Protein backbone atom coordinates (compact mmCIF):
# COMPACT_ATOMS: atom_id res chain seq x y z
CA MET A 1 -2.56 6.60 33.06
CA ASP A 2 -5.00 3.83 32.26
CA LEU A 3 -5.51 2.88 28.64
CA ILE A 4 -9.15 2.04 27.93
CA VAL A 5 -10.69 0.75 24.71
CA GLN A 6 -14.36 1.66 24.39
CA LYS A 7 -16.60 0.12 21.72
CA PHE A 8 -20.00 1.59 20.84
CA GLY A 9 -22.54 -0.34 18.78
CA GLY A 10 -24.87 0.93 16.11
CA THR A 11 -27.84 1.71 18.38
CA SER A 12 -25.55 3.81 20.58
CA LEU A 13 -24.73 6.05 17.60
CA SER A 14 -28.01 6.10 15.70
CA ASP A 15 -29.24 9.57 16.66
CA GLU A 16 -28.15 12.77 18.37
CA SER A 17 -29.66 11.80 21.72
CA SER A 18 -27.84 8.46 21.77
CA ARG A 19 -24.55 10.05 20.73
CA ARG A 20 -24.84 12.42 23.71
CA HIS A 21 -24.77 9.36 25.97
CA VAL A 22 -21.67 8.17 24.12
CA LEU A 23 -20.10 11.58 24.64
CA ARG A 24 -20.83 11.35 28.37
CA HIS A 25 -18.96 8.04 28.73
CA ILE A 26 -15.98 9.30 26.74
CA THR A 27 -15.85 12.58 28.65
CA ARG A 28 -15.93 10.79 32.01
CA GLU A 29 -12.89 8.67 31.21
CA HIS A 30 -11.07 11.51 29.43
CA GLU A 31 -11.47 13.82 32.43
CA ALA A 32 -10.21 11.04 34.71
CA GLY A 33 -6.96 11.11 32.74
CA SER A 34 -7.36 7.84 30.84
CA ARG A 35 -5.97 7.36 27.35
CA LEU A 36 -8.84 6.35 25.08
CA VAL A 37 -9.26 4.34 21.91
CA VAL A 38 -12.91 4.34 20.79
CA VAL A 39 -14.11 1.72 18.30
CA VAL A 40 -17.40 2.39 16.51
CA SER A 41 -19.90 0.36 14.51
CA ALA A 42 -22.09 1.63 11.68
CA MET A 43 -25.03 3.73 12.85
CA GLY A 44 -28.38 2.14 13.58
CA ARG A 45 -29.97 -1.10 12.48
CA SER A 46 -31.28 -2.50 9.21
CA GLY A 47 -33.49 0.02 7.43
CA GLU A 48 -31.68 3.05 8.80
CA PRO A 49 -29.59 4.92 6.21
CA TYR A 50 -26.02 4.01 7.21
CA ALA A 51 -26.50 0.56 8.77
CA THR A 52 -24.53 -2.31 7.22
CA ASP A 53 -27.66 -4.14 6.03
CA SER A 54 -28.97 -0.92 4.46
CA LEU A 55 -25.74 -0.55 2.50
CA LEU A 56 -26.03 -4.13 1.30
CA GLU A 57 -29.53 -3.42 0.01
CA LEU A 58 -28.06 -0.84 -2.36
CA VAL A 59 -26.25 -3.57 -4.29
CA ARG A 60 -28.90 -6.25 -3.89
CA ALA A 61 -31.23 -3.98 -5.82
CA ASN A 62 -28.83 -4.34 -8.78
CA GLY A 63 -28.70 -8.13 -8.68
CA ASP A 64 -26.05 -8.44 -5.96
CA MET A 65 -23.26 -8.89 -8.50
CA LEU A 66 -20.75 -6.56 -6.80
CA PRO A 67 -17.35 -8.32 -6.49
CA PRO A 68 -16.13 -9.07 -2.93
CA ARG A 69 -13.39 -6.41 -3.03
CA GLU A 70 -15.81 -3.66 -3.98
CA LYS A 71 -18.42 -4.93 -1.52
CA ASP A 72 -15.91 -4.50 1.31
CA LEU A 73 -15.28 -0.93 0.15
CA LEU A 74 -19.01 -0.29 0.41
CA LEU A 75 -19.46 -1.99 3.78
CA SER A 76 -16.58 -0.06 5.34
CA CYS A 77 -18.43 3.22 4.75
CA GLY A 78 -20.89 2.87 7.66
CA GLU A 79 -18.17 2.77 10.30
CA LEU A 80 -16.29 5.65 8.66
CA ILE A 81 -19.41 7.81 8.89
CA SER A 82 -19.78 6.91 12.58
CA ALA A 83 -16.12 7.65 13.31
CA THR A 84 -16.10 11.07 11.65
CA VAL A 85 -19.45 12.16 13.13
CA LEU A 86 -18.27 11.19 16.62
CA CYS A 87 -14.95 12.94 16.02
CA SER A 88 -16.85 16.09 15.09
CA LEU A 89 -18.93 15.85 18.28
CA LEU A 90 -15.85 15.47 20.50
CA CYS A 91 -14.02 18.34 18.83
CA SER A 92 -17.07 20.57 19.29
CA GLU A 93 -16.88 19.83 23.02
CA GLY A 94 -13.19 20.75 23.19
CA ILE A 95 -11.96 17.14 23.40
CA PRO A 96 -9.05 16.57 20.97
CA ALA A 97 -9.82 13.59 18.76
CA VAL A 98 -8.72 11.92 15.54
CA ALA A 99 -10.66 9.47 13.33
CA LEU A 100 -8.85 6.53 11.68
CA THR A 101 -9.90 3.77 9.33
CA GLY A 102 -9.07 0.26 10.46
CA GLY A 103 -6.10 0.23 8.10
CA GLN A 104 -4.84 3.61 9.33
CA ALA A 105 -5.07 2.28 12.89
CA GLY A 106 -2.62 -0.45 11.88
CA ILE A 107 -5.02 -3.41 11.59
CA VAL A 108 -3.42 -5.68 8.97
CA THR A 109 -5.50 -8.58 7.67
CA ASP A 110 -5.34 -11.39 5.18
CA GLY A 111 -7.11 -10.96 1.84
CA ARG A 112 -10.36 -12.83 2.51
CA PHE A 113 -12.85 -10.11 1.63
CA GLY A 114 -15.97 -10.24 3.78
CA SER A 115 -14.42 -12.47 6.46
CA ALA A 116 -10.83 -11.31 6.85
CA ARG A 117 -8.67 -12.37 9.78
CA ILE A 118 -6.34 -10.03 11.61
CA SER A 119 -2.70 -11.00 11.10
CA GLU A 120 -1.02 -8.07 12.86
CA ILE A 121 -1.75 -4.73 14.50
CA ARG A 122 0.85 -1.99 14.17
CA THR A 123 0.23 0.47 16.96
CA ASP A 124 2.78 3.22 16.19
CA ARG A 125 0.29 5.68 14.74
CA MET A 126 -2.23 5.17 17.55
CA GLN A 127 0.50 5.50 20.17
CA LYS A 128 1.56 8.83 18.69
CA HIS A 129 -1.98 10.22 18.84
CA LEU A 130 -2.42 8.92 22.39
CA ALA A 131 0.84 10.58 23.43
CA ASP A 132 -0.58 13.82 22.02
CA LYS A 133 -3.57 13.33 24.37
CA GLN A 134 -6.03 12.74 21.55
CA VAL A 135 -8.99 10.37 21.72
CA VAL A 136 -8.36 7.89 18.92
CA ILE A 137 -11.59 6.91 17.15
CA VAL A 138 -11.23 3.76 15.03
CA ALA A 139 -13.73 2.52 12.45
CA GLY A 140 -14.51 -1.01 13.59
CA PHE A 141 -15.21 -4.10 11.49
CA GLN A 142 -12.39 -3.35 9.04
CA GLY A 143 -8.69 -3.47 8.29
CA ALA A 144 -6.40 -3.49 5.29
CA THR A 145 -4.13 -5.99 3.59
CA GLU A 146 -0.39 -5.48 3.24
CA GLY A 147 -1.18 -4.13 -0.23
CA GLY A 148 -3.59 -1.53 1.13
CA GLU A 149 -6.87 -3.19 0.10
CA THR A 150 -9.78 -2.50 2.47
CA THR A 151 -11.20 -5.64 4.10
CA THR A 152 -14.04 -6.35 6.52
CA LEU A 153 -13.96 -8.82 9.41
CA GLY A 154 -17.42 -10.39 9.14
CA ARG A 155 -20.33 -10.24 11.56
CA GLY A 156 -19.33 -9.08 15.02
CA GLY A 157 -16.25 -7.48 13.50
CA SER A 158 -16.42 -4.32 15.59
CA ASP A 159 -16.27 -6.36 18.80
CA THR A 160 -13.28 -8.17 17.33
CA SER A 161 -11.64 -4.86 16.41
CA ALA A 162 -12.07 -3.63 19.98
CA THR A 163 -10.57 -6.61 21.79
CA ALA A 164 -7.80 -7.02 19.19
CA LEU A 165 -6.81 -3.36 19.65
CA GLY A 166 -7.02 -3.84 23.41
CA ALA A 167 -4.65 -6.79 23.18
CA ALA A 168 -2.21 -5.00 20.87
CA LEU A 169 -2.12 -1.90 23.07
CA ASN A 170 -2.05 -3.90 26.32
CA ALA A 171 -5.13 -1.99 27.47
CA ASP A 172 -6.24 -2.06 31.08
CA ILE A 173 -9.80 -2.92 30.03
CA VAL A 174 -12.10 -3.08 27.01
CA ASP A 175 -15.58 -1.63 27.56
CA ILE A 176 -18.23 -2.94 25.15
CA TYR A 177 -21.23 -0.57 25.25
CA THR A 178 -24.60 -1.90 24.07
CA ASP A 179 -28.28 -1.17 24.59
CA VAL A 180 -28.62 -3.58 27.55
CA ASP A 181 -27.31 -3.42 31.13
CA GLY A 182 -24.65 -6.07 30.76
CA ILE A 183 -25.04 -9.82 30.39
CA LEU A 184 -28.20 -11.40 31.78
CA THR A 185 -28.92 -14.92 33.00
CA ALA A 186 -31.24 -15.39 30.00
CA ASP A 187 -32.88 -13.40 27.24
CA PRO A 188 -35.38 -11.11 29.03
CA ARG A 189 -37.73 -11.30 26.06
CA TRP A 190 -38.26 -14.98 26.95
CA VAL A 191 -37.58 -15.11 30.69
CA SER A 192 -39.40 -12.51 32.75
CA ASP A 193 -37.10 -12.67 35.79
CA ALA A 194 -33.78 -12.76 33.94
CA ARG A 195 -31.15 -11.06 36.10
CA PRO A 196 -27.99 -9.09 35.26
CA LEU A 197 -24.73 -10.86 36.07
CA SER A 198 -21.99 -8.91 37.83
CA ALA A 199 -19.25 -11.15 36.46
CA VAL A 200 -18.69 -14.17 34.20
CA SER A 201 -15.63 -16.04 33.07
CA TYR A 202 -14.28 -15.92 29.51
CA GLU A 203 -15.33 -19.54 28.98
CA GLU A 204 -18.88 -18.91 30.12
CA ILE A 205 -19.47 -15.88 27.90
CA CYS A 206 -17.87 -17.69 24.94
CA ASN A 207 -20.37 -20.50 25.40
CA MET A 208 -23.25 -18.04 25.75
CA ALA A 209 -22.22 -16.17 22.62
CA GLN A 210 -21.71 -19.31 20.55
CA ASN A 211 -25.11 -20.64 21.59
CA GLY A 212 -27.34 -17.72 20.74
CA ALA A 213 -26.64 -14.85 23.18
CA LYS A 214 -25.86 -11.82 21.04
CA VAL A 215 -24.27 -9.42 23.53
CA ILE A 216 -20.69 -9.92 22.31
CA HIS A 217 -19.12 -11.90 19.48
CA PRO A 218 -17.32 -15.11 20.59
CA ARG A 219 -14.24 -14.35 18.44
CA ALA A 220 -13.81 -11.09 20.35
CA VAL A 221 -13.95 -12.94 23.67
CA GLU A 222 -11.39 -15.49 22.50
CA ILE A 223 -8.94 -12.70 21.62
CA ALA A 224 -9.43 -11.06 25.02
CA MET A 225 -9.00 -14.39 26.79
CA LYS A 226 -5.71 -15.18 25.02
CA ALA A 227 -4.36 -11.73 25.86
CA GLY A 228 -5.72 -11.72 29.41
CA ILE A 229 -7.49 -8.39 28.83
CA PRO A 230 -10.63 -7.92 30.98
CA VAL A 231 -13.82 -6.88 29.21
CA ARG A 232 -16.87 -5.09 30.60
CA VAL A 233 -20.24 -5.27 28.86
CA ARG A 234 -22.12 -2.08 29.77
CA SER A 235 -25.13 -0.01 28.75
CA THR A 236 -24.60 3.19 26.79
CA PHE A 237 -27.74 4.61 28.35
CA SER A 238 -26.90 4.20 32.05
CA ASP A 239 -23.95 4.55 34.42
CA GLY A 240 -24.10 0.95 35.62
CA VAL A 241 -20.85 -1.00 35.80
CA GLY A 242 -22.33 -3.83 33.70
CA THR A 243 -20.79 -7.31 33.59
CA LEU A 244 -17.08 -7.98 34.03
CA VAL A 245 -15.65 -10.73 31.83
CA THR A 246 -12.26 -12.11 32.86
CA ASN A 247 -10.65 -15.32 34.08
CA ALA A 248 -11.95 -17.11 37.16
CA LYS A 249 -8.75 -16.51 39.15
CA SER A 250 -9.01 -12.74 38.65
CA LEU A 251 -12.66 -12.75 39.67
CA ARG A 252 -11.89 -14.62 42.87
CA SER A 253 -9.03 -12.25 43.72
CA GLN A 254 -11.45 -9.33 43.48
CA GLY A 255 -13.92 -11.01 45.78
CA ILE A 256 -16.72 -10.97 43.18
CA TRP A 257 -16.60 -14.59 42.08
CA TYR A 258 -19.38 -16.77 43.40
CA ASP A 259 -19.50 -20.48 42.85
CA LYS A 260 -22.61 -21.32 40.88
CA THR A 261 -22.92 -24.52 38.93
CA VAL A 262 -25.05 -22.84 36.25
CA THR A 263 -24.54 -19.20 35.25
CA GLY A 264 -27.05 -18.67 32.46
CA LEU A 265 -29.14 -19.94 29.56
CA ALA A 266 -28.93 -19.35 25.82
CA HIS A 267 -30.99 -20.59 22.91
CA VAL A 268 -31.18 -20.88 19.14
CA ARG A 269 -34.45 -21.06 17.25
CA GLY A 270 -35.23 -22.33 13.76
CA VAL A 271 -33.49 -25.71 14.03
CA THR A 272 -34.30 -28.97 12.20
CA GLN A 273 -33.26 -32.41 13.43
CA LEU A 274 -32.28 -34.99 10.82
CA ALA A 275 -31.95 -38.66 11.71
CA VAL A 276 -30.55 -41.30 9.38
CA VAL A 277 -30.66 -44.76 10.93
CA ASN A 278 -29.95 -47.84 8.83
CA GLY A 279 -28.41 -50.89 10.43
CA ASN A 280 -27.92 -52.49 7.02
CA GLY A 281 -26.59 -49.35 5.37
CA PRO A 282 -23.14 -48.82 3.87
CA SER A 283 -20.17 -48.90 6.24
CA ASP A 284 -19.23 -45.36 5.21
CA LEU A 285 -22.75 -43.97 5.89
CA GLN A 286 -21.54 -41.28 8.29
CA LEU A 287 -18.72 -40.20 5.99
CA ARG A 288 -21.02 -39.89 2.98
CA ILE A 289 -23.56 -37.82 4.90
CA PHE A 290 -21.18 -35.32 6.43
CA ARG A 291 -19.08 -35.02 3.27
CA ALA A 292 -22.24 -34.13 1.33
CA MET A 293 -23.20 -31.49 3.90
CA ALA A 294 -19.70 -29.99 3.87
CA THR A 295 -19.43 -29.96 0.08
CA HIS A 296 -22.63 -27.92 -0.15
CA GLY A 297 -21.73 -25.53 2.64
CA ILE A 298 -24.31 -26.74 5.15
CA SER A 299 -23.30 -26.22 8.76
CA VAL A 300 -24.20 -29.16 11.00
CA ASP A 301 -24.63 -29.13 14.76
CA PHE A 302 -25.75 -31.30 17.67
CA ILE A 303 -24.09 -34.37 16.16
CA ASN A 304 -24.63 -37.87 17.54
CA VAL A 305 -22.83 -40.62 15.59
CA MET A 306 -23.81 -44.25 16.20
CA PRO A 307 -22.80 -47.52 14.52
CA THR A 308 -26.19 -47.64 12.81
CA GLY A 309 -26.51 -44.01 11.75
CA VAL A 310 -26.43 -40.36 12.77
CA HIS A 311 -28.57 -37.65 14.32
CA TYR A 312 -27.70 -34.02 13.66
CA THR A 313 -29.29 -30.62 13.21
CA VAL A 314 -29.24 -27.96 10.51
CA SER A 315 -30.78 -24.52 10.30
CA GLU A 316 -34.31 -24.13 9.05
CA ALA A 317 -32.96 -22.33 5.97
CA ASP A 318 -30.77 -25.32 5.03
CA THR A 319 -33.35 -28.04 5.71
CA ASP A 320 -34.75 -28.58 2.20
CA THR A 321 -31.28 -28.70 0.63
CA ALA A 322 -30.03 -31.13 3.27
CA VAL A 323 -33.03 -33.45 2.80
CA ASP A 324 -32.54 -33.40 -0.99
CA LEU A 325 -28.86 -34.31 -0.60
CA LEU A 326 -29.71 -37.23 1.68
CA GLY A 327 -32.26 -38.41 -0.88
CA GLN A 328 -29.58 -38.33 -3.59
CA LEU A 329 -27.55 -40.65 -1.36
CA ASP A 330 -30.56 -43.02 -1.17
CA PHE A 331 -31.16 -42.25 2.51
CA GLU A 332 -34.60 -41.62 3.94
CA PRO A 333 -34.09 -39.27 6.89
CA VAL A 334 -36.55 -38.71 9.69
CA VAL A 335 -37.08 -34.95 9.63
CA ARG A 336 -38.19 -33.03 12.70
CA ARG A 337 -38.72 -29.36 11.91
CA GLY A 338 -39.57 -26.54 14.29
CA CYS A 339 -36.99 -27.28 16.97
CA ALA A 340 -34.98 -25.07 19.32
CA LYS A 341 -31.61 -25.67 20.94
CA VAL A 342 -31.41 -24.69 24.63
CA SER A 343 -28.00 -24.32 26.29
CA VAL A 344 -27.46 -24.56 30.04
CA ILE A 345 -24.09 -22.90 30.73
CA GLY A 346 -21.86 -22.75 33.79
CA GLY A 347 -18.17 -22.94 34.60
CA GLY A 348 -18.94 -24.94 37.74
CA MET A 349 -20.81 -27.83 36.13
CA ASN A 350 -17.77 -29.85 35.00
CA GLY A 351 -17.67 -32.94 37.21
CA GLU A 352 -20.67 -31.77 39.24
CA PRO A 353 -23.20 -34.62 39.58
CA GLY A 354 -26.90 -34.04 39.12
CA VAL A 355 -26.96 -31.20 36.58
CA MET A 356 -28.59 -33.30 33.86
CA ALA A 357 -31.03 -34.67 36.42
CA VAL A 358 -32.19 -31.13 37.23
CA ILE A 359 -32.64 -30.38 33.52
CA VAL A 360 -34.62 -33.55 32.85
CA GLU A 361 -36.78 -33.07 35.95
CA ALA A 362 -37.59 -29.44 35.13
CA LEU A 363 -38.57 -30.22 31.54
CA THR A 364 -40.43 -33.42 32.45
CA ASN A 365 -42.48 -31.58 35.07
CA ALA A 366 -43.33 -28.99 32.42
CA GLY A 367 -44.38 -31.74 29.99
CA ILE A 368 -41.62 -30.88 27.50
CA PRO A 369 -39.99 -33.81 25.63
CA ILE A 370 -36.22 -33.78 24.99
CA PHE A 371 -35.40 -34.96 21.46
CA GLN A 372 -31.62 -34.98 21.80
CA SER A 373 -28.87 -33.87 24.20
CA ALA A 374 -25.12 -33.30 24.32
CA ASP A 375 -22.60 -31.79 26.71
CA SER A 376 -19.17 -30.24 27.10
CA ASN A 377 -17.14 -29.02 30.09
CA ALA A 378 -19.26 -25.90 30.58
CA THR A 379 -22.47 -26.52 28.63
CA ILE A 380 -25.31 -29.01 28.36
CA TRP A 381 -27.52 -28.73 25.27
CA VAL A 382 -31.03 -30.07 24.82
CA LEU A 383 -33.15 -30.06 21.69
CA ILE A 384 -36.86 -29.39 22.15
CA ALA A 385 -39.86 -28.24 20.13
CA GLU A 386 -39.66 -24.51 19.49
CA ARG A 387 -43.29 -24.09 20.56
CA ASN A 388 -42.15 -25.08 24.09
CA LEU A 389 -39.19 -22.70 24.18
CA ALA A 390 -40.56 -20.01 26.49
CA GLU A 391 -41.87 -22.52 29.00
CA ALA A 392 -38.61 -24.51 28.89
CA LEU A 393 -36.40 -21.48 29.47
CA GLN A 394 -38.53 -20.30 32.38
CA ALA A 395 -38.60 -23.78 33.93
CA LEU A 396 -34.82 -24.19 33.71
CA HIS A 397 -34.18 -20.65 34.92
CA SER A 398 -36.24 -21.36 38.04
CA ALA A 399 -34.87 -24.87 38.57
CA PHE A 400 -31.29 -23.58 38.77
CA GLY A 401 -32.21 -20.55 40.87
CA LEU A 402 -30.94 -18.11 38.29
CA HIS A 403 -33.54 -15.56 39.34
CA LEU A 404 -31.87 -15.30 42.77
CA SER A 405 -29.06 -12.89 43.54
CA PRO A 406 -25.70 -14.38 44.61
CA ALA A 407 -26.37 -13.35 48.21
CA GLN A 408 -29.61 -15.33 48.22
CA GLY A 409 -27.98 -18.50 46.93
CA THR A 410 -29.78 -21.15 44.92
């Protein structure tokens, strides 16, 4: 029998109608004879009663002084509610099921409350329930220390729970159910002809997730990649097969891999560029700047280091603090607010000539200046004005033929 891990996000569980769709997916696999582990997130989104952000608001109203240990106890409640409600629904339909906390499912973590890391997964209890032909429902986003303290795994933790359980159980596949039909070539809210992808490699989806695409958490993909467990990103609200995420060799063997230089686009808004250029400055200029940012917990990105200075970006929220710190170091940065980072991603671009030329031509023809660029094996990044974001994404999407199906070519 196949062993399938299914993960359902908060919007999939937010109301009775949505949960009926969840039930349909579970029932289909259960009746096919598969063994099932179902990982759930907290119900709904911010503002709805049991969502994670709604639970946080309960303590923020009291000054947000709750210690990290107790905050993790609070935040674990949303997933427990989802797990028990879903268990009740399955049992009412005659499907044997059991609900487990992350700790009861054997997820052992370190003691970093709020951002714990999984150190081990002990599968004995889950294996027993599976042998008894029960659907095992696991509260995502959480685990427990060796001492039994409840911990949470940080943002995207339910995705991480799902792929980690899949790896520990040697699952045949992990199905991540969301409110979209798989992974698209770009965000459809910004690109009108964004198209669903039938398959992407682990590396490509990692780059998409790290650069603004929010379909699946990059840490979850990294776990699946190390274990060699395929992942499907599917819609809760349809029967589509979604997007298969696995290694390139496996995709080719299944005849569904197609060789495209660029697979998709991602973007991040609310970015500020900081430039410190001083040919007569101190020899340790770069060290002083980045040490100051690190000491004050400011994440830096898009880094260009030159003999005479540095260019880098910070989030809009960190801009004022970063500028103040540079002033304390007697630097006068050039500050460019209101930027966006656009990522052009594709497993086939490494060593392929002309990719940057296509990017520059598309943006130049659209009258969009590039403030900064960088690249890696599978991604080229450009920094532009956020006001030009929609036009830039559409221009790049068309320039690389991402609106065309694989059969049509580029």
